[in-house]
Each structure stands twice: as C-alpha cells, then as structure tokens.
Amino acid sequence: MGAHGPIPKRSEERRRRNKADGPELVQAPSGPPADLPDLPGPDPAWHEIAYDWYLSLRESGQAAFYQPSDWAVARYAAELMSRGLASDRPPNGQYVAALDSMMARLLTTEGDRRRARIELERQPAERPLAAVQPLDAYRDLTGG
C-alpha cells in the first residue's frame, strides 16, 4: 500500500483507458458486511469518540476485509485513542502520528482505501424530489 503521493481518484472519475499498472481494484458494497462475526463490544469506559469510532468500523464496508487480528488492532487503537482523549495533557505529534498510522492500516478513510485499491460502492442518496409549485408561482410572478 503506497502511503505517499496524491490520493487516487475513484474509478468512475478516471479517464484513463489503458490498463493500470499495479494491483487490480477491489470493489465492495458499503455498509456492514452480512457475515460480521461476534466481536467483543467496545469498552464502556472508553471516551465517547473512541467508542463511536470503534462502532463505526462495524458498520463500514471495509469490515468485510477484516480478520480477527484486525479487530484486535482496532480495539487497541480505540483504547489508545480513549486514553489520549481522556488525558489532561495535549497529545504530542508522535502519539497522533502513531494513532493515525494504525487507523490508516485499518483503511478507515476513503483515501486509505483508494491507496490500497479498495473502493466501496456508494449508496445512492435518497432525496425527495423538489416540489414544482414554487417554480410555477415564480413563473406566474415573472409573467412567463
């Protein structure tokens, strides 16, 4: 996984027609995997942000690729995050870099997944259609 350079574009945003160099792109559905194993829950003593982050991993599409050892790393990252957030001292750069590295290895951001050539399929947004009546009223006001 290349950690340097610009984040690659999503496959639908690329214009390149020839074969890409490097590993094949893996696509997976977004949302929680259907066969998520029974996992130890988050520690209730964790900081709220660490607790929410750990739970969000269970609801994310990349969880389909996780093995038990990945879940153990996620619990450890959440524990570190919780301790850092609960501390009275501000976090130092080394702590932030180590935590960011752990989160990147778990493919928690879209940029991390794109660098690893993993793309989660986006769910279409369910937006209600705009009402036509305001447009009709405006047209009547302008005499159109």
C-alpha atoms as a PDB file:
ATOM      1  CA  MET A   1       0.000   0.000   0.000  1.00  0.00           C
ATOM      2  CA  GLY A   2       1.507   3.289  -1.062  1.00  0.00           C
ATOM      3  CA  ALA A   3       1.190   5.902   1.647  1.00  0.00           C
ATOM      4  CA  HIS A   4       2.708   8.780  -0.279  1.00  0.00           C
ATOM      5  CA  GLY A   5       1.607  10.960  -3.132  1.00  0.00           C
ATOM      6  CA  PRO A   6      -1.823  12.200  -4.097  1.00  0.00           C
ATOM      7  CA  ILE A   7      -4.894  10.136  -3.354  1.00  0.00           C
ATOM      8  CA  PRO A   8      -6.015   8.282  -6.494  1.00  0.00           C
ATOM      9  CA  LYS A   9      -9.387   9.190  -7.990  1.00  0.00           C
ATOM     10  CA  ARG A  10     -12.400   6.900  -7.761  1.00  0.00           C
ATOM     11  CA  SER A  11     -12.742   4.550 -10.731  1.00  0.00           C
ATOM     12  CA  GLU A  12     -15.724   6.460 -12.165  1.00  0.00           C
ATOM     13  CA  GLU A  13     -13.702   9.700 -12.067  1.00  0.00           C
ATOM     14  CA  ARG A  14     -10.729   8.317 -14.030  1.00  0.00           C
ATOM     15  CA  ARG A  15     -10.400   8.902 -17.745  1.00  0.00           C
ATOM     16  CA  ARG A  16      -7.542   6.506 -18.366  1.00  0.00           C
ATOM     17  CA  ARG A  17      -8.478   3.771 -20.856  1.00  0.00           C
ATOM     18  CA  ASN A  18      -5.322   1.656 -20.912  1.00  0.00           C
ATOM     19  CA  LYS A  19      -4.539  -0.968 -18.313  1.00  0.00           C
ATOM     20  CA  ALA A  20      -3.491   0.481 -14.979  1.00  0.00           C
ATOM     21  CA  ASP A  21      -0.193  -0.620 -13.532  1.00  0.00           C
ATOM     22  CA  GLY A  22      -0.389  -2.169 -10.108  1.00  0.00           C
ATOM     23  CA  PRO A  23      -2.872  -4.478  -8.396  1.00  0.00           C
ATOM     24  CA  GLU A  24      -6.461  -4.822  -9.540  1.00  0.00           C
ATOM     25  CA  LEU A  25      -9.092  -2.608  -7.968  1.00  0.00           C
ATOM     26  CA  VAL A  26     -11.313  -4.404  -5.452  1.00  0.00           C
ATOM     27  CA  GLN A  27     -14.867  -3.143  -5.094  1.00  0.00           C
ATOM     28  CA  ALA A  28     -17.108  -3.973  -2.172  1.00  0.00           C
ATOM     29  CA  PRO A  29     -20.539  -2.795  -1.072  1.00  0.00           C
ATOM     30  CA  SER A  30     -20.659  -0.073   1.541  1.00  0.00           C
ATOM     31  CA  GLY A  31     -22.376  -0.723   4.844  1.00  0.00           C
ATOM     32  CA  PRO A  32     -21.866  -3.507   7.352  1.00  0.00           C
ATOM     33  CA  PRO A  33     -20.934  -6.931   5.998  1.00  0.00           C
ATOM     34  CA  ALA A  34     -23.607  -9.608   6.269  1.00  0.00           C
ATOM     35  CA  ASP A  35     -21.297 -12.139   7.924  1.00  0.00           C
ATOM     36  CA  LEU A  36     -19.789  -9.964  10.650  1.00  0.00           C
ATOM     37  CA  PRO A  37     -18.535 -12.294  13.384  1.00  0.00           C
ATOM     38  CA  ASP A  38     -19.422 -11.884  17.029  1.00  0.00           C
ATOM     39  CA  LEU A  39     -16.938  -9.325  18.238  1.00  0.00           C
ATOM     40  CA  PRO A  40     -16.111  -8.055  21.666  1.00  0.00           C
ATOM     41  CA  GLY A  41     -18.013  -4.852  22.134  1.00  0.00           C
ATOM     42  CA  PRO A  42     -16.410  -1.537  22.890  1.00  0.00           C
ATOM     43  CA  ASP A  43     -15.327  -0.913  26.438  1.00  0.00           C
ATOM     44  CA  PRO A  44     -17.959   1.225  28.184  1.00  0.00           C
ATOM     45  CA  ALA A  45     -15.145   3.078  29.949  1.00  0.00           C
ATOM     46  CA  TRP A  46     -13.735   4.358  26.639  1.00  0.00           C
ATOM     47  CA  HIS A  47     -14.034   8.009  25.705  1.00  0.00           C
ATOM     48  CA  GLU A  48     -17.197   8.697  23.678  1.00  0.00           C
ATOM     49  CA  ILE A  49     -15.249   9.466  20.479  1.00  0.00           C
ATOM     50  CA  ALA A  50     -13.221   6.237  20.687  1.00  0.00           C
ATOM     51  CA  TYR A  51     -16.404   4.286  21.446  1.00  0.00           C
ATOM     52  CA  ASP A  52     -18.177   5.772  18.384  1.00  0.00           C
ATOM     53  CA  TRP A  53     -15.136   5.207  16.160  1.00  0.00           C
ATOM     54  CA  TYR A  54     -14.949   1.521  17.064  1.00  0.00           C
ATOM     55  CA  LEU A  55     -18.676   1.061  16.475  1.00  0.00           C
ATOM     56  CA  SER A  56     -18.409   2.862  13.123  1.00  0.00           C
ATOM     57  CA  LEU A  57     -15.883   0.256  11.951  1.00  0.00           C
ATOM     58  CA  ARG A  58     -18.514  -2.426  12.444  1.00  0.00           C
ATOM     59  CA  GLU A  59     -20.908  -0.506  10.187  1.00  0.00           C
ATOM     60  CA  SER A  60     -18.352   0.227   7.447  1.00  0.00           C
ATOM     61  CA  GLY A  61     -17.854  -1.710   4.228  1.00  0.00           C
ATOM     62  CA  GLN A  62     -14.146  -2.325   4.778  1.00  0.00           C
ATOM     63  CA  ALA A  63     -15.088  -4.542   7.734  1.00  0.00           C
ATOM     64  CA  ALA A  64     -15.718  -7.277   5.134  1.00  0.00           C
ATOM     65  CA  PHE A  65     -11.926  -7.486   4.710  1.00  0.00           C
ATOM     66  CA  TYR A  66     -11.084  -7.582   8.447  1.00  0.00           C
ATOM     67  CA  GLN A  67      -9.692 -10.651  10.123  1.00  0.00           C
ATOM     68  CA  PRO A  68      -9.734 -11.244  13.897  1.00  0.00           C
ATOM     69  CA  SER A  69      -6.277  -9.711  14.181  1.00  0.00           C
ATOM     70  CA  ASP A  70      -7.575  -6.536  12.503  1.00  0.00           C
ATOM     71  CA  TRP A  71     -10.349  -6.291  15.093  1.00  0.00           C
ATOM     72  CA  ALA A  72      -7.725  -6.680  17.816  1.00  0.00           C
ATOM     73  CA  VAL A  73      -5.752  -3.784  16.294  1.00  0.00           C
ATOM     74  CA  ALA A  74      -8.979  -1.742  16.132  1.00  0.00           C
ATOM     75  CA  ARG A  75      -9.640  -2.371  19.845  1.00  0.00           C
ATOM     76  CA  TYR A  76      -6.059  -1.371  20.668  1.00  0.00           C
ATOM     77  CA  ALA A  77      -6.367   1.809  18.568  1.00  0.00           C
ATOM     78  CA  ALA A  78      -9.633   2.677  20.299  1.00  0.00           C
ATOM     79  CA  GLU A  79      -8.007   2.128  23.696  1.00  0.00           C
ATOM     80  CA  LEU A  80      -5.092   4.410  22.771  1.00  0.00           C
ATOM     81  CA  MET A  81      -7.493   6.993  21.387  1.00  0.00           C
ATOM     82  CA  SER A  82      -9.566   6.865  24.557  1.00  0.00           C
ATOM     83  CA  ARG A  83      -6.550   7.302  26.821  1.00  0.00           C
ATOM     84  CA  GLY A  84      -5.296  10.222  24.764  1.00  0.00           C
ATOM     85  CA  LEU A  85      -8.683  11.944  24.745  1.00  0.00           C
ATOM     86  CA  ALA A  86      -9.146  11.447  28.490  1.00  0.00           C
ATOM     87  CA  SER A  87      -5.679  12.787  29.319  1.00  0.00           C
ATOM     88  CA  ASP A  88      -5.227  16.243  30.806  1.00  0.00           C
ATOM     89  CA  ARG A  89      -2.149  16.831  28.631  1.00  0.00           C
ATOM     90  CA  PRO A  90      -2.479  17.794  24.966  1.00  0.00           C
ATOM     91  CA  PRO A  91      -1.491  14.995  22.581  1.00  0.00           C
ATOM     92  CA  ASN A  92       2.029  15.159  21.160  1.00  0.00           C
ATOM     93  CA  GLY A  93       2.842  14.697  17.499  1.00  0.00           C
ATOM     94  CA  GLN A  94       4.327  11.243  17.938  1.00  0.00           C
ATOM     95  CA  TYR A  95       1.135   9.964  19.591  1.00  0.00           C
ATOM     96  CA  VAL A  96      -1.063  11.476  16.869  1.00  0.00           C
ATOM     97  CA  ALA A  97       1.151  10.014  14.103  1.00  0.00           C
ATOM     98  CA  ALA A  98       1.098   6.540  15.666  1.00  0.00           C
ATOM     99  CA  LEU A  99      -2.675   6.587  16.061  1.00  0.00           C
ATOM    100  CA  ASP A 100      -3.128   7.902  12.517  1.00  0.00           C
ATOM    101  CA  SER A 101      -0.890   5.117  11.210  1.00  0.00           C
ATOM    102  CA  MET A 102      -2.964   2.473  12.986  1.00  0.00           C
ATOM    103  CA  MET A 103      -6.170   3.934  11.612  1.00  0.00           C
ATOM    104  CA  ALA A 104      -4.687   4.048   8.093  1.00  0.00           C
ATOM    105  CA  ARG A 105      -3.728   0.373   8.299  1.00  0.00           C
ATOM    106  CA  LEU A 106      -7.369  -0.356   9.098  1.00  0.00           C
ATOM    107  CA  LEU A 107      -8.397   1.545   5.929  1.00  0.00           C
ATOM    108  CA  THR A 108     -10.681   3.867   7.868  1.00  0.00           C
ATOM    109  CA  THR A 109     -10.680   6.753   5.373  1.00  0.00           C
ATOM    110  CA  GLU A 110     -11.551   6.792   1.698  1.00  0.00           C
ATOM    111  CA  GLY A 111      -8.047   7.959   0.837  1.00  0.00           C
ATOM    112  CA  ASP A 112      -6.504   4.990   2.665  1.00  0.00           C
ATOM    113  CA  ARG A 113      -8.828   2.606   0.816  1.00  0.00           C
ATOM    114  CA  ARG A 114      -8.079   4.172  -2.585  1.00  0.00           C
ATOM    115  CA  ARG A 115      -4.343   3.853  -1.992  1.00  0.00           C
ATOM    116  CA  ALA A 116      -4.916   0.160  -1.203  1.00  0.00           C
ATOM    117  CA  ARG A 117      -7.017  -0.101  -4.413  1.00  0.00           C
ATOM    118  CA  ILE A 118     -10.242  -0.820  -2.493  1.00  0.00           C
ATOM    119  CA  GLU A 119     -13.396   1.066  -3.385  1.00  0.00           C
ATOM    120  CA  LEU A 120     -16.671   0.908  -1.501  1.00  0.00           C
ATOM    121  CA  GLU A 121     -19.736   1.296  -3.707  1.00  0.00           C
ATOM    122  CA  ARG A 122     -21.625   4.391  -2.740  1.00  0.00           C
ATOM    123  CA  GLN A 123     -25.296   4.097  -1.932  1.00  0.00           C
ATOM    124  CA  PRO A 124     -27.482   6.455  -3.970  1.00  0.00           C
ATOM    125  CA  ALA A 125     -28.789   9.328  -1.897  1.00  0.00           C
ATOM    126  CA  GLU A 126     -32.487   9.070  -1.179  1.00  0.00           C
ATOM    127  CA  ARG A 127     -33.600  12.649  -1.627  1.00  0.00           C
ATOM    128  CA  PRO A 128     -37.206  13.631  -2.168  1.00  0.00           C
ATOM    129  CA  LEU A 129     -37.900  15.368  -5.441  1.00  0.00           C
ATOM    130  CA  ALA A 130     -38.326  19.119  -5.275  1.00  0.00           C
ATOM    131  CA  ALA A 131     -41.866  20.405  -5.419  1.00  0.00           C
ATOM    132  CA  VAL A 132     -42.879  22.079  -8.679  1.00  0.00           C
ATOM    133  CA  GLN A 133     -45.353  24.523  -7.109  1.00  0.00           C
ATOM    134  CA  PRO A 134     -42.739  27.134  -6.057  1.00  0.00           C
ATOM    135  CA  LEU A 135     -41.403  27.163  -9.609  1.00  0.00           C
ATOM    136  CA  ASP A 136     -44.907  27.636 -11.019  1.00  0.00           C
ATOM    137  CA  ALA A 137     -45.539  30.518  -8.616  1.00  0.00           C
ATOM    138  CA  TYR A 138     -42.269  32.183  -9.637  1.00  0.00           C
ATOM    139  CA  ARG A 139     -43.113  31.779 -13.300  1.00  0.00           C
ATOM    140  CA  ASP A 140     -46.540  33.376 -12.716  1.00  0.00           C
ATOM    141  CA  LEU A 141     -44.896  36.332 -10.898  1.00  0.00           C
ATOM    142  CA  THR A 142     -42.438  36.985 -13.719  1.00  0.00           C
ATOM    143  CA  GLY A 143     -45.128  36.684 -16.362  1.00  0.00           C
ATOM    144  CA  GLY A 144     -43.501  33.677 -18.008  1.00  0.00           C
END
